[in-house]
């Protein structure tokens, strides 16, 4: 084959690949809009709300800088991308308060920011299947598990339920490797993308590395870098890994370098590298160990 024909063949293949991606995005968007239409028509969104106040870019930047430790690690272009993604994502989400709690714009912005944080390295960041977030004033009873829980991610109804004090505790205490918001969003990410879309192969590669560590924790989960809850099952192991990836990335990279590397590959971001590029005198301000 001549060089010109070879180039033409490559361009043809790329054109097919690119057009396929566009069609797939249009189908996903169409499905998302249809789901929202059905929810609204059935009255399931009657008591839900969205972001009311439209903040300026400067106001939103100030809010995120004060509230979200991860946001403080980003440079100017990354922080602009973060803000744009946040506003786009919040146009697709509905929030509701349960057991008497009133959902504020601050709650909506905060939880939306956690959603953007988890998917910041991915091209697909909208969690299209999970359109509803229910916020509780404290732990709540789950009929599914027949016990009280802090959070729950339910695929068949497309809803994430969280205790707000525990979400805030996870953000305000970013060194303890416990973050309810990130934990539930890790489950949502797996259910929405890895299990039901075309990213399962990437998760399989992560699982191969993770199982080695998981099996060690089955023998002795005490005095281990990952907290003991990770030994519950491989799905909780994944969610705990996501918490540690964002709350203790430097330690994660040092203690479990191969697993940390796989986390970077599957999430397509490297939080430890974000910290590495910071000036030494700025490290304490970042508040991520």
C-alpha atoms as a PDB file:
ATOM      1  CA  UNK A   1       0.000   0.000   0.000  1.00  0.00           C
ATOM      2  CA  UNK A   2       1.344   3.428  -0.963  1.00  0.00           C
ATOM      3  CA  UNK A   3       1.942   6.042   1.762  1.00  0.00           C
ATOM      4  CA  UNK A   4      -0.974   8.142   0.474  1.00  0.00           C
ATOM      5  CA  UNK A   5      -3.388   5.200   0.595  1.00  0.00           C
ATOM      6  CA  UNK A   6      -2.088   4.272   4.042  1.00  0.00           C
ATOM      7  CA  UNK A   7      -2.731   7.789   5.316  1.00  0.00           C
ATOM      8  CA  UNK A   8      -6.166   7.740   3.709  1.00  0.00           C
ATOM      9  CA  UNK A   9      -7.014   4.438   5.398  1.00  0.00           C
ATOM     10  CA  UNK A  10      -5.912   5.782   8.789  1.00  0.00           C
ATOM     11  CA  UNK A  11      -7.996   8.920   8.347  1.00  0.00           C
ATOM     12  CA  UNK A  12     -11.004   6.828   7.312  1.00  0.00           C
ATOM     13  CA  UNK A  13     -10.709   4.617  10.383  1.00  0.00           C
ATOM     14  CA  UNK A  14     -10.343   7.678  12.620  1.00  0.00           C
ATOM     15  CA  UNK A  15     -13.419   9.283  11.018  1.00  0.00           C
ATOM     16  CA  UNK A  16     -15.480   6.163  11.774  1.00  0.00           C
ATOM     17  CA  UNK A  17     -14.177   6.071  15.367  1.00  0.00           C
ATOM     18  CA  UNK A  18     -14.875   9.770  15.935  1.00  0.00           C
ATOM     19  CA  UNK A  19     -18.368   9.644  14.405  1.00  0.00           C
ATOM     20  CA  UNK A  20     -19.160   6.587  16.549  1.00  0.00           C
ATOM     21  CA  UNK A  21     -18.186   8.513  19.690  1.00  0.00           C
ATOM     22  CA  UNK A  22     -20.430  11.417  18.672  1.00  0.00           C
ATOM     23  CA  UNK A  23     -23.390   9.102  18.020  1.00  0.00           C
ATOM     24  CA  UNK A  24     -22.814   7.339  21.360  1.00  0.00           C
ATOM     25  CA  UNK A  25     -22.780  10.686  23.198  1.00  0.00           C
ATOM     26  CA  UNK A  26     -25.994  11.754  21.448  1.00  0.00           C
ATOM     27  CA  UNK A  27     -27.668   8.464  22.402  1.00  0.00           C
ATOM     28  CA  UNK A  28     -26.571   8.848  26.035  1.00  0.00           C
ATOM     29  CA  UNK A  29     -27.801  12.450  26.098  1.00  0.00           C
ATOM     30  CA  UNK A  30     -31.110  11.380  24.569  1.00  0.00           C
ATOM     31  CA  UNK A  31     -31.530   8.638  27.168  1.00  0.00           C
ATOM     32  CA  UNK A  32     -30.687  11.085  29.945  1.00  0.00           C
ATOM     33  CA  UNK A  33     -33.275  13.615  28.763  1.00  0.00           C
ATOM     34  CA  UNK A  34     -35.859  10.869  28.392  1.00  0.00           C
ATOM     35  CA  UNK A  35     -35.198   9.682  31.957  1.00  0.00           C
ATOM     36  CA  UNK A  36     -35.638  13.210  33.300  1.00  0.00           C
ATOM     37  CA  UNK A  37     -38.851  13.632  31.310  1.00  0.00           C
ATOM     38  CA  UNK A  38     -40.264  10.390  32.726  1.00  0.00           C
ATOM     39  CA  UNK A  39     -39.300  11.365  36.276  1.00  0.00           C
ATOM     40  CA  UNK A  40     -40.918  14.783  35.927  1.00  0.00           C
ATOM     41  CA  UNK A  41     -44.055  13.415  34.305  1.00  0.00           C
ATOM     42  CA  UNK A  42     -44.464  10.823  37.061  1.00  0.00           C
ATOM     43  CA  UNK A  43     -44.147  13.527  39.679  1.00  0.00           C
ATOM     44  CA  UNK A  44     -41.082  11.915  41.241  1.00  0.00           C
ATOM     45  CA  UNK A  45     -39.188  15.234  41.184  1.00  0.00           C
ATOM     46  CA  UNK A  46     -41.991  17.242  42.805  1.00  0.00           C
ATOM     47  CA  UNK A  47     -40.115  17.929  46.044  1.00  0.00           C
ATOM     48  CA  UNK A  48     -36.646  18.080  44.504  1.00  0.00           C
ATOM     49  CA  UNK A  49     -34.685  21.235  43.873  1.00  0.00           C
ATOM     50  CA  UNK A  50     -31.727  22.505  41.895  1.00  0.00           C
ATOM     51  CA  UNK A  51     -29.193  25.264  42.379  1.00  0.00           C
ATOM     52  CA  UNK A  52     -31.057  28.567  42.776  1.00  0.00           C
ATOM     53  CA  UNK A  53     -28.358  31.236  42.864  1.00  0.00           C
ATOM     54  CA  UNK A  54     -26.146  31.721  39.839  1.00  0.00           C
ATOM     55  CA  UNK A  55     -22.754  32.592  41.245  1.00  0.00           C
ATOM     56  CA  UNK A  56     -20.175  34.523  39.271  1.00  0.00           C
ATOM     57  CA  UNK A  57     -16.990  32.679  38.363  1.00  0.00           C
ATOM     58  CA  UNK A  58     -15.163  34.661  41.040  1.00  0.00           C
ATOM     59  CA  UNK A  59     -17.744  33.802  43.706  1.00  0.00           C
ATOM     60  CA  UNK A  60     -17.719  30.132  42.745  1.00  0.00           C
ATOM     61  CA  UNK A  61     -13.923  30.078  42.816  1.00  0.00           C
ATOM     62  CA  UNK A  62     -13.935  31.581  46.321  1.00  0.00           C
ATOM     63  CA  UNK A  63     -16.497  29.031  47.538  1.00  0.00           C
ATOM     64  CA  UNK A  64     -14.600  26.037  46.137  1.00  0.00           C
ATOM     65  CA  UNK A  65     -11.250  27.314  47.400  1.00  0.00           C
ATOM     66  CA  UNK A  66     -12.659  27.591  50.900  1.00  0.00           C
ATOM     67  CA  UNK A  67     -14.678  24.353  50.874  1.00  0.00           C
ATOM     68  CA  UNK A  68     -12.961  21.739  48.693  1.00  0.00           C
ATOM     69  CA  UNK A  69      -9.338  20.736  49.509  1.00  0.00           C
ATOM     70  CA  UNK A  70      -8.870  19.053  46.115  1.00  0.00           C
ATOM     71  CA  UNK A  71      -9.775  22.279  44.303  1.00  0.00           C
ATOM     72  CA  UNK A  72      -6.894  24.081  45.987  1.00  0.00           C
ATOM     73  CA  UNK A  73      -4.456  21.732  44.258  1.00  0.00           C
ATOM     74  CA  UNK A  74      -5.475  22.830  40.770  1.00  0.00           C
ATOM     75  CA  UNK A  75      -3.837  25.451  38.575  1.00  0.00           C
ATOM     76  CA  UNK A  76      -5.836  28.228  36.923  1.00  0.00           C
ATOM     77  CA  UNK A  77      -6.795  26.281  33.786  1.00  0.00           C
ATOM     78  CA  UNK A  78      -7.712  23.175  35.795  1.00  0.00           C
ATOM     79  CA  UNK A  79      -9.796  25.172  38.258  1.00  0.00           C
ATOM     80  CA  UNK A  80     -11.675  26.793  35.363  1.00  0.00           C
ATOM     81  CA  UNK A  81     -12.396  23.345  33.936  1.00  0.00           C
ATOM     82  CA  UNK A  82     -13.555  22.213  37.388  1.00  0.00           C
ATOM     83  CA  UNK A  83     -15.991  25.133  37.692  1.00  0.00           C
ATOM     84  CA  UNK A  84     -17.365  24.620  34.188  1.00  0.00           C
ATOM     85  CA  UNK A  85     -17.894  20.920  34.820  1.00  0.00           C
ATOM     86  CA  UNK A  86     -19.598  21.639  38.119  1.00  0.00           C
ATOM     87  CA  UNK A  87     -22.138  23.992  36.555  1.00  0.00           C
ATOM     88  CA  UNK A  88     -22.829  21.551  33.728  1.00  0.00           C
ATOM     89  CA  UNK A  89     -23.234  18.631  36.122  1.00  0.00           C
ATOM     90  CA  UNK A  90     -25.621  20.493  38.419  1.00  0.00           C
ATOM     91  CA  UNK A  91     -27.952  21.126  35.476  1.00  0.00           C
ATOM     92  CA  UNK A  92     -28.523  17.348  35.414  1.00  0.00           C
ATOM     93  CA  UNK A  93     -29.050  16.690  39.137  1.00  0.00           C
ATOM     94  CA  UNK A  94     -31.991  17.011  41.515  1.00  0.00           C
ATOM     95  CA  UNK A  95     -31.627  17.266  45.292  1.00  0.00           C
ATOM     96  CA  UNK A  96     -34.161  16.595  48.021  1.00  0.00           C
ATOM     97  CA  UNK A  97     -34.114  16.878  51.798  1.00  0.00           C
ATOM     98  CA  UNK A  98     -35.465  14.019  53.873  1.00  0.00           C
ATOM     99  CA  UNK A  99     -36.643  13.882  57.499  1.00  0.00           C
ATOM    100  CA  UNK A 100     -37.064  17.651  57.732  1.00  0.00           C
ATOM    101  CA  UNK A 101     -33.715  18.873  56.429  1.00  0.00           C
ATOM    102  CA  UNK A 102     -33.749  21.797  53.980  1.00  0.00           C
ATOM    103  CA  UNK A 103     -31.357  21.517  51.051  1.00  0.00           C
ATOM    104  CA  UNK A 104     -29.291  24.685  50.599  1.00  0.00           C
ATOM    105  CA  UNK A 105     -27.331  25.908  47.589  1.00  0.00           C
ATOM    106  CA  UNK A 106     -24.162  25.295  49.599  1.00  0.00           C
ATOM    107  CA  UNK A 107     -25.094  21.618  49.981  1.00  0.00           C
ATOM    108  CA  UNK A 108     -25.792  21.327  46.250  1.00  0.00           C
ATOM    109  CA  UNK A 109     -22.505  22.991  45.295  1.00  0.00           C
ATOM    110  CA  UNK A 110     -20.547  20.929  47.811  1.00  0.00           C
ATOM    111  CA  UNK A 111     -21.861  17.535  46.752  1.00  0.00           C
ATOM    112  CA  UNK A 112     -21.655  18.507  43.105  1.00  0.00           C
ATOM    113  CA  UNK A 113     -17.996  19.432  43.635  1.00  0.00           C
ATOM    114  CA  UNK A 114     -17.309  15.973  45.065  1.00  0.00           C
ATOM    115  CA  UNK A 115     -18.873  14.448  41.952  1.00  0.00           C
ATOM    116  CA  UNK A 116     -16.602  16.539  39.738  1.00  0.00           C
ATOM    117  CA  UNK A 117     -13.592  15.659  41.889  1.00  0.00           C
ATOM    118  CA  UNK A 118     -14.049  11.908  41.517  1.00  0.00           C
ATOM    119  CA  UNK A 119     -14.458  12.094  37.730  1.00  0.00           C
ATOM    120  CA  UNK A 120     -12.071  14.989  37.058  1.00  0.00           C
ATOM    121  CA  UNK A 121      -9.709  12.880  34.953  1.00  0.00           C
ATOM    122  CA  UNK A 122     -12.489  11.243  32.924  1.00  0.00           C
ATOM    123  CA  UNK A 123     -14.153  12.497  29.760  1.00  0.00           C
ATOM    124  CA  UNK A 124     -17.532  11.287  31.026  1.00  0.00           C
ATOM    125  CA  UNK A 125     -18.235  13.078  34.289  1.00  0.00           C
ATOM    126  CA  UNK A 126     -22.012  13.510  34.588  1.00  0.00           C
ATOM    127  CA  UNK A 127     -23.027  10.273  36.378  1.00  0.00           C
ATOM    128  CA  UNK A 128     -25.990  10.097  33.946  1.00  0.00           C
ATOM    129  CA  UNK A 129     -27.754   7.227  35.701  1.00  0.00           C
ATOM    130  CA  UNK A 130     -27.727   8.946  39.114  1.00  0.00           C
ATOM    131  CA  UNK A 131     -29.890  12.032  38.671  1.00  0.00           C
ATOM    132  CA  UNK A 132     -31.202  12.296  42.248  1.00  0.00           C
ATOM    133  CA  UNK A 133     -29.438  12.919  45.550  1.00  0.00           C
ATOM    134  CA  UNK A 134     -31.333  12.630  48.844  1.00  0.00           C
ATOM    135  CA  UNK A 135     -29.881  14.353  51.896  1.00  0.00           C
ATOM    136  CA  UNK A 136     -30.660  13.262  55.478  1.00  0.00           C
ATOM    137  CA  UNK A 137     -29.985  15.134  58.739  1.00  0.00           C
ATOM    138  CA  UNK A 138     -28.270  12.062  60.258  1.00  0.00           C
ATOM    139  CA  UNK A 139     -27.970   8.305  59.802  1.00  0.00           C
ATOM    140  CA  UNK A 140     -31.127   6.728  58.382  1.00  0.00           C
ATOM    141  CA  UNK A 141     -32.750   3.334  58.233  1.00  0.00           C
ATOM    142  CA  UNK A 142     -32.310   1.225  55.106  1.00  0.00           C
ATOM    143  CA  UNK A 143     -35.047  -1.302  54.384  1.00  0.00           C
ATOM    144  CA  UNK A 144     -32.689  -2.917  51.885  1.00  0.00           C
ATOM    145  CA  UNK A 145     -30.054  -3.713  54.512  1.00  0.00           C
ATOM    146  CA  UNK A 146     -32.416  -3.638  57.511  1.00  0.00           C
ATOM    147  CA  UNK A 147     -30.111  -1.413  59.530  1.00  0.00           C
ATOM    148  CA  UNK A 148     -29.123   2.230  59.950  1.00  0.00           C
ATOM    149  CA  UNK A 149     -26.608   3.574  57.437  1.00  0.00           C
ATOM    150  CA  UNK A 150     -24.715   6.795  56.701  1.00  0.00           C
ATOM    151  CA  UNK A 151     -25.035   6.504  52.939  1.00  0.00           C
ATOM    152  CA  UNK A 152     -26.513   4.376  50.210  1.00  0.00           C
ATOM    153  CA  UNK A 153     -26.159   4.202  46.426  1.00  0.00           C
ATOM    154  CA  UNK A 154     -29.074   2.473  44.685  1.00  0.00           C
ATOM    155  CA  UNK A 155     -28.648   1.667  41.009  1.00  0.00           C
ATOM    156  CA  UNK A 156     -32.146   0.508  40.085  1.00  0.00           C
ATOM    157  CA  UNK A 157     -33.695   3.811  41.223  1.00  0.00           C
ATOM    158  CA  UNK A 158     -30.742   5.994  40.240  1.00  0.00           C
ATOM    159  CA  UNK A 159     -30.453   7.712  43.617  1.00  0.00           C
ATOM    160  CA  UNK A 160     -27.652   8.468  46.086  1.00  0.00           C
ATOM    161  CA  UNK A 161     -28.647   8.936  49.744  1.00  0.00           C
ATOM    162  CA  UNK A 162     -26.316  10.513  52.314  1.00  0.00           C
ATOM    163  CA  UNK A 163     -26.253  11.788  55.882  1.00  0.00           C
ATOM    164  CA  UNK A 164     -25.161  15.408  55.499  1.00  0.00           C
ATOM    165  CA  UNK A 165     -23.236  15.745  58.793  1.00  0.00           C
ATOM    166  CA  UNK A 166     -21.132  12.759  57.734  1.00  0.00           C
ATOM    167  CA  UNK A 167     -20.528  14.263  54.286  1.00  0.00           C
ATOM    168  CA  UNK A 168     -19.307  17.467  55.904  1.00  0.00           C
ATOM    169  CA  UNK A 169     -17.178  15.560  58.410  1.00  0.00           C
ATOM    170  CA  UNK A 170     -15.426  13.810  55.530  1.00  0.00           C
ATOM    171  CA  UNK A 171     -14.596  17.128  53.882  1.00  0.00           C
ATOM    172  CA  UNK A 172     -13.595  18.975  57.061  1.00  0.00           C
ATOM    173  CA  UNK A 173     -11.404  16.110  58.332  1.00  0.00           C
ATOM    174  CA  UNK A 174      -9.520  15.327  55.145  1.00  0.00           C
ATOM    175  CA  UNK A 175      -6.646  13.522  56.893  1.00  0.00           C
ATOM    176  CA  UNK A 176      -8.668  10.685  58.460  1.00  0.00           C
ATOM    177  CA  UNK A 177      -9.166   8.786  55.162  1.00  0.00           C
ATOM    178  CA  UNK A 178     -12.925   8.661  55.735  1.00  0.00           C
ATOM    179  CA  UNK A 179     -15.079  10.623  53.316  1.00  0.00           C
ATOM    180  CA  UNK A 180     -18.695   9.528  52.955  1.00  0.00           C
ATOM    181  CA  UNK A 181     -19.324  11.599  49.841  1.00  0.00           C
ATOM    182  CA  UNK A 182     -16.329  10.173  47.978  1.00  0.00           C
ATOM    183  CA  UNK A 183     -17.196   6.676  49.244  1.00  0.00           C
ATOM    184  CA  UNK A 184     -20.746   6.704  47.868  1.00  0.00           C
ATOM    185  CA  UNK A 185     -19.635   8.339  44.630  1.00  0.00           C
ATOM    186  CA  UNK A 186     -17.046   5.591  44.183  1.00  0.00           C
ATOM    187  CA  UNK A 187     -19.904   3.080  44.278  1.00  0.00           C
ATOM    188  CA  UNK A 188     -21.888   5.234  41.833  1.00  0.00           C
ATOM    189  CA  UNK A 189     -18.898   5.485  39.506  1.00  0.00           C
ATOM    190  CA  UNK A 190     -18.515   1.712  39.445  1.00  0.00           C
ATOM    191  CA  UNK A 191     -22.219   1.066  38.904  1.00  0.00           C
ATOM    192  CA  UNK A 192     -22.714   3.783  36.309  1.00  0.00           C
ATOM    193  CA  UNK A 193     -19.547   3.399  34.259  1.00  0.00           C
ATOM    194  CA  UNK A 194     -17.499   0.298  35.024  1.00  0.00           C
ATOM    195  CA  UNK A 195     -20.295  -2.225  35.422  1.00  0.00           C
ATOM    196  CA  UNK A 196     -22.865  -0.966  32.917  1.00  0.00           C
ATOM    197  CA  UNK A 197     -20.864   0.891  30.265  1.00  0.00           C
ATOM    198  CA  UNK A 198     -17.737   0.305  28.201  1.00  0.00           C
ATOM    199  CA  UNK A 199     -15.129   0.840  30.941  1.00  0.00           C
ATOM    200  CA  UNK A 200     -15.302  -2.592  32.580  1.00  0.00           C
ATOM    201  CA  UNK A 201     -11.993  -3.726  31.062  1.00  0.00           C
ATOM    202  CA  UNK A 202     -10.193  -0.963  32.906  1.00  0.00           C
ATOM    203  CA  UNK A 203     -11.813  -2.024  36.148  1.00  0.00           C
ATOM    204  CA  UNK A 204     -10.796  -5.639  35.515  1.00  0.00           C
ATOM    205  CA  UNK A 205      -7.159  -4.559  35.285  1.00  0.00           C
ATOM    206  CA  UNK A 206      -7.526  -2.687  38.561  1.00  0.00           C
ATOM    207  CA  UNK A 207      -9.174  -5.729  40.159  1.00  0.00           C
ATOM    208  CA  UNK A 208      -6.231  -7.962  39.276  1.00  0.00           C
ATOM    209  CA  UNK A 209      -3.919  -5.715  41.288  1.00  0.00           C
ATOM    210  CA  UNK A 210      -6.433  -5.022  44.033  1.00  0.00           C
ATOM    211  CA  UNK A 211      -7.197  -8.666  44.778  1.00  0.00           C
ATOM    212  CA  UNK A 212      -3.627  -9.252  45.945  1.00  0.00           C
ATOM    213  CA  UNK A 213      -3.941  -6.523  48.554  1.00  0.00           C
ATOM    214  CA  UNK A 214      -7.534  -7.481  49.377  1.00  0.00           C
ATOM    215  CA  UNK A 215      -6.513 -11.105  50.068  1.00  0.00           C
ATOM    216  CA  UNK A 216      -3.760  -9.922  52.413  1.00  0.00           C
ATOM    217  CA  UNK A 217      -6.313  -7.840  54.286  1.00  0.00           C
ATOM    218  CA  UNK A 218      -8.537 -10.916  54.627  1.00  0.00           C
ATOM    219  CA  UNK A 219      -5.750 -12.526  56.635  1.00  0.00           C
ATOM    220  CA  UNK A 220      -4.989  -9.467  58.748  1.00  0.00           C
ATOM    221  CA  UNK A 221      -6.717  -6.114  58.246  1.00  0.00           C
ATOM    222  CA  UNK A 222      -5.291  -4.511  61.369  1.00  0.00           C
ATOM    223  CA  UNK A 223      -2.262  -2.206  61.159  1.00  0.00           C
ATOM    224  CA  UNK A 224      -2.849  -1.928  57.418  1.00  0.00           C
ATOM    225  CA  UNK A 225      -2.672   1.286  55.395  1.00  0.00           C
ATOM    226  CA  UNK A 226      -6.240   0.897  54.148  1.00  0.00           C
ATOM    227  CA  UNK A 227      -8.844   1.030  56.896  1.00  0.00           C
ATOM    228  CA  UNK A 228     -10.412  -2.237  58.012  1.00  0.00           C
ATOM    229  CA  UNK A 229     -13.720  -1.649  56.234  1.00  0.00           C
ATOM    230  CA  UNK A 230     -11.919  -2.273  52.943  1.00  0.00           C
ATOM    231  CA  UNK A 231     -11.754  -5.977  53.838  1.00  0.00           C
ATOM    232  CA  UNK A 232     -15.586  -6.283  53.764  1.00  0.00           C
ATOM    233  CA  UNK A 233     -15.747  -7.126  50.050  1.00  0.00           C
ATOM    234  CA  UNK A 234     -14.093  -6.035  46.827  1.00  0.00           C
ATOM    235  CA  UNK A 235     -16.718  -3.314  46.205  1.00  0.00           C
ATOM    236  CA  UNK A 236     -16.090  -1.715  49.600  1.00  0.00           C
ATOM    237  CA  UNK A 237     -12.374  -2.176  48.984  1.00  0.00           C
ATOM    238  CA  UNK A 238     -12.742  -0.081  45.815  1.00  0.00           C
ATOM    239  CA  UNK A 239     -14.690   2.663  47.613  1.00  0.00           C
ATOM    240  CA  UNK A 240     -12.161   2.833  50.463  1.00  0.00           C
ATOM    241  CA  UNK A 241      -9.335   3.023  47.917  1.00  0.00           C
ATOM    242  CA  UNK A 242     -11.011   6.054  46.347  1.00  0.00           C
ATOM    243  CA  UNK A 243     -11.241   7.734  49.767  1.00  0.00           C
ATOM    244  CA  UNK A 244      -7.551   7.089  50.430  1.00  0.00           C
ATOM    245  CA  UNK A 245      -6.576   8.134  46.896  1.00  0.00           C
ATOM    246  CA  UNK A 246      -7.897  11.637  47.525  1.00  0.00           C
ATOM    247  CA  UNK A 247      -7.283  11.992  51.271  1.00  0.00           C
ATOM    248  CA  UNK A 248      -3.827  10.400  51.609  1.00  0.00           C
ATOM    249  CA  UNK A 249      -2.322  10.153  48.111  1.00  0.00           C
ATOM    250  CA  UNK A 250       1.317  10.569  49.149  1.00  0.00           C
ATOM    251  CA  UNK A 251       1.080   7.834  51.764  1.00  0.00           C
ATOM    252  CA  UNK A 252      -0.933   5.641  49.368  1.00  0.00           C
ATOM    253  CA  UNK A 253       1.802   5.955  46.727  1.00  0.00           C
ATOM    254  CA  UNK A 254       4.486   5.055  49.255  1.00  0.00           C
ATOM    255  CA  UNK A 255       2.675   2.181  50.967  1.00  0.00           C
ATOM    256  CA  UNK A 256       1.005   0.519  47.967  1.00  0.00           C
ATOM    257  CA  UNK A 257       2.721   1.870  44.845  1.00  0.00           C
ATOM    258  CA  UNK A 258       1.355  -0.701  42.358  1.00  0.00           C
ATOM    259  CA  UNK A 259      -2.224  -0.305  43.532  1.00  0.00           C
ATOM    260  CA  UNK A 260      -1.868   3.489  43.579  1.00  0.00           C
ATOM    261  CA  UNK A 261      -0.612   3.375  39.995  1.00  0.00           C
ATOM    262  CA  UNK A 262      -3.701   1.399  38.969  1.00  0.00           C
ATOM    263  CA  UNK A 263      -5.916   3.938  40.737  1.00  0.00           C
ATOM    264  CA  UNK A 264      -4.275   6.689  38.668  1.00  0.00           C
ATOM    265  CA  UNK A 265      -4.900   4.731  35.472  1.00  0.00           C
ATOM    266  CA  UNK A 266      -8.550   3.975  36.125  1.00  0.00           C
ATOM    267  CA  UNK A 267      -9.417   7.470  37.423  1.00  0.00           C
ATOM    268  CA  UNK A 268      -7.036   9.101  34.920  1.00  0.00           C
ATOM    269  CA  UNK A 269      -5.652  11.502  37.482  1.00  0.00           C
ATOM    270  CA  UNK A 270      -2.800  11.556  39.993  1.00  0.00           C
ATOM    271  CA  UNK A 271      -3.459  13.503  43.194  1.00  0.00           C
ATOM    272  CA  UNK A 272       0.040  12.861  44.573  1.00  0.00           C
ATOM    273  CA  UNK A 273       1.505  14.425  41.431  1.00  0.00           C
ATOM    274  CA  UNK A 274      -0.676  17.501  41.976  1.00  0.00           C
ATOM    275  CA  UNK A 275       0.843  17.844  45.433  1.00  0.00           C
ATOM    276  CA  UNK A 276       4.389  17.210  44.149  1.00  0.00           C
ATOM    277  CA  UNK A 277       4.227  20.252  41.885  1.00  0.00           C
ATOM    278  CA  UNK A 278       3.223  22.607  44.705  1.00  0.00           C
ATOM    279  CA  UNK A 279       5.802  24.908  46.324  1.00  0.00           C
ATOM    280  CA  UNK A 280       7.001  23.569  49.664  1.00  0.00           C
ATOM    281  CA  UNK A 281       5.487  26.476  51.572  1.00  0.00           C
ATOM    282  CA  UNK A 282       2.103  25.842  49.945  1.00  0.00           C
ATOM    283  CA  UNK A 283       1.886  22.192  50.921  1.00  0.00           C
ATOM    284  CA  UNK A 284       0.320  22.860  54.322  1.00  0.00           C
ATOM    285  CA  UNK A 285      -2.366  25.013  52.690  1.00  0.00           C
ATOM    286  CA  UNK A 286      -3.375  22.168  50.409  1.00  0.00           C
ATOM    287  CA  UNK A 287      -4.471  20.166  53.472  1.00  0.00           C
ATOM    288  CA  UNK A 288      -4.044  16.792  51.784  1.00  0.00           C
ATOM    289  CA  UNK A 289      -1.445  14.522  53.365  1.00  0.00           C
END
